C-alpha atoms as a PDB file:
ATOM      1  CA  MET A   1      -0.485   6.615 -12.176  1.00  0.00           C
ATOM      2  CA  GLY A   2      -3.912   8.371 -11.947  1.00  0.00           C
ATOM      3  CA  GLY A   3      -5.222   5.528 -14.425  1.00  0.00           C
ATOM      4  CA  TYR A   4      -4.272   2.957 -11.925  1.00  0.00           C
ATOM      5  CA  LEU A   5      -5.695   4.819  -8.798  1.00  0.00           C
ATOM      6  CA  LEU A   6      -9.105   5.065 -10.258  1.00  0.00           C
ATOM      7  CA  LEU A   7      -8.821   1.327 -11.450  1.00  0.00           C
ATOM      8  CA  ALA A   8      -7.664   0.131  -8.121  1.00  0.00           C
ATOM      9  CA  LEU A   9     -10.208   2.622  -6.157  1.00  0.00           C
ATOM     10  CA  GLY A  10     -13.098   0.832  -8.404  1.00  0.00           C
ATOM     11  CA  LEU A  11     -11.948  -2.559  -7.710  1.00  0.00           C
ATOM     12  CA  ILE A  12     -11.746  -1.987  -3.774  1.00  0.00           C
ATOM     13  CA  ASN A  13     -15.210  -0.297  -3.926  1.00  0.00           C
ATOM     14  CA  TRP A  14     -16.584  -2.909  -5.781  1.00  0.00           C
ATOM     15  CA  GLN A  15     -15.103  -5.935  -3.321  1.00  0.00           C
ATOM     16  CA  TYR A  16     -16.126  -4.318  -0.491  1.00  0.00           C
ATOM     17  CA  GLN A  17     -19.787  -3.656  -1.545  1.00  0.00           C
ATOM     18  CA  ASN A  18     -20.170  -6.687  -3.418  1.00  0.00           C
ATOM     19  CA  ASN A  19     -23.820  -7.678  -1.784  1.00  0.00           C
ATOM     20  CA  ASP A  20     -25.261  -4.171  -2.415  1.00  0.00           C
ATOM     21  CA  THR A  21     -27.614  -3.390  -5.162  1.00  0.00           C
ATOM     22  CA  GLY A  22     -25.908  -1.232  -8.049  1.00  0.00           C
ATOM     23  CA  VAL A  23     -22.705  -1.677  -6.847  1.00  0.00           C
ATOM     24  CA  ALA A  24     -21.281  -2.529 -10.696  1.00  0.00           C
ATOM     25  CA  THR A  25     -22.601   0.702 -11.998  1.00  0.00           C
ATOM     26  CA  ARG A  26     -21.206   2.774  -9.273  1.00  0.00           C
ATOM     27  CA  SER A  27     -17.949   0.877  -9.453  1.00  0.00           C
ATOM     28  CA  LEU A  28     -17.786   0.894 -13.084  1.00  0.00           C
ATOM     29  CA  LEU A  29     -18.156   4.441 -12.977  1.00  0.00           C
ATOM     30  CA  ILE A  30     -14.867   4.864 -11.098  1.00  0.00           C
ATOM     31  CA  VAL A  31     -13.039   2.066 -13.407  1.00  0.00           C
ATOM     32  CA  LEU A  32     -13.668   2.791 -16.896  1.00  0.00           C
ATOM     33  CA  PRO A  33     -12.174   6.502 -16.626  1.00  0.00           C
ATOM     34  CA  GLY A  34      -9.168   4.576 -15.144  1.00  0.00           C
ATOM     35  CA  VAL A  35      -8.824   2.364 -18.092  1.00  0.00           C
ATOM     36  CA  VAL A  36      -9.530   5.227 -20.590  1.00  0.00           C
ATOM     37  CA  VAL A  37      -6.878   7.249 -19.134  1.00  0.00           C
ATOM     38  CA  ILE A  38      -4.476   3.922 -19.402  1.00  0.00           C
ATOM     39  CA  ALA A  39      -5.753   3.590 -22.701  1.00  0.00           C
ATOM     40  CA  MET A  40      -4.873   7.100 -23.544  1.00  0.00           C
ATOM     41  CA  THR A  41      -1.353   6.745 -22.771  1.00  0.00           C
ATOM     42  CA  LEU A  42      -1.009   4.445 -25.650  1.00  0.00           C
ATOM     43  CA  ILE A  43      -2.350   6.465 -28.545  1.00  0.00           C
ATOM     44  CA  LYS A  44       0.308   9.095 -29.403  1.00  0.00           C
ATOM     45  CA  PRO A  45      -1.975  12.278 -30.183  1.00  0.00           C
ATOM     46  CA  LEU A  46      -4.078  11.769 -26.837  1.00  0.00           C
ATOM     47  CA  ASP A  47      -0.705  11.198 -24.963  1.00  0.00           C
ATOM     48  CA  ALA A  48       0.479  14.487 -26.339  1.00  0.00           C
ATOM     49  CA  PHE A  49      -2.933  16.025 -25.131  1.00  0.00           C
ATOM     50  CA  MET A  50      -2.364  14.408 -21.505  1.00  0.00           C
ATOM     51  CA  GLY A  51       0.939  16.240 -21.662  1.00  0.00           C
ATOM     52  CA  SER A  52      -0.227  19.719 -22.267  1.00  0.00           C
ATOM     53  CA  LYS A  53      -1.357  22.092 -19.424  1.00  0.00           C
ATOM     54  CA  VAL A  54      -4.947  21.702 -20.541  1.00  0.00           C
ATOM     55  CA  GLY A  55      -4.984  18.145 -20.711  1.00  0.00           C
ATOM     56  CA  MET A  56      -3.247  17.844 -17.003  1.00  0.00           C
ATOM     57  CA  SER A  57      -5.817  20.393 -15.697  1.00  0.00           C
ATOM     58  CA  LEU A  58      -8.830  18.255 -17.264  1.00  0.00           C
ATOM     59  CA  ILE A  59      -7.553  14.940 -16.055  1.00  0.00           C
ATOM     60  CA  ALA A  60      -6.542  16.011 -12.658  1.00  0.00           C
ATOM     61  CA  ALA A  61     -10.028  17.456 -11.877  1.00  0.00           C
ATOM     62  CA  VAL A  62     -12.178  14.544 -12.957  1.00  0.00           C
ATOM     63  CA  GLY A  63      -9.901  12.134 -11.398  1.00  0.00           C
ATOM     64  CA  ALA A  64     -10.294  14.241  -8.104  1.00  0.00           C
ATOM     65  CA  ILE A  65     -14.176  14.121  -8.647  1.00  0.00           C
ATOM     66  CA  LEU A  66     -13.948  10.524  -8.971  1.00  0.00           C
ATOM     67  CA  VAL A  67     -11.832   9.970  -6.038  1.00  0.00           C
ATOM     68  CA  GLY A  68     -14.404  11.745  -3.993  1.00  0.00           C
ATOM     69  CA  ILE A  69     -17.217   9.968  -5.571  1.00  0.00           C
ATOM     70  CA  SER A  70     -15.278   6.766  -4.667  1.00  0.00           C
ATOM     71  CA  PHE A  71     -14.943   7.976  -0.916  1.00  0.00           C
ATOM     72  CA  LEU A  72     -18.548   9.062  -0.664  1.00  0.00           C
ATOM     73  CA  ASN A  73     -19.834   5.823  -2.232  1.00  0.00           C
END
């Protein structure tokens, strides 16, 4: 669910700031980790890591930082 959140926030950011210079870089900073999280669910060892406490904590922390960046952007 977090991967879809990051993907959506990045694309919304891109749409609303489409005339701003550097918007592609800032939006891809949010979109690409979302795509990576979604892709990780399709790979068994990475999916198992994401199910561990360490994996959940790491993904939650990175996700929270990226959501914050999307709002400040």
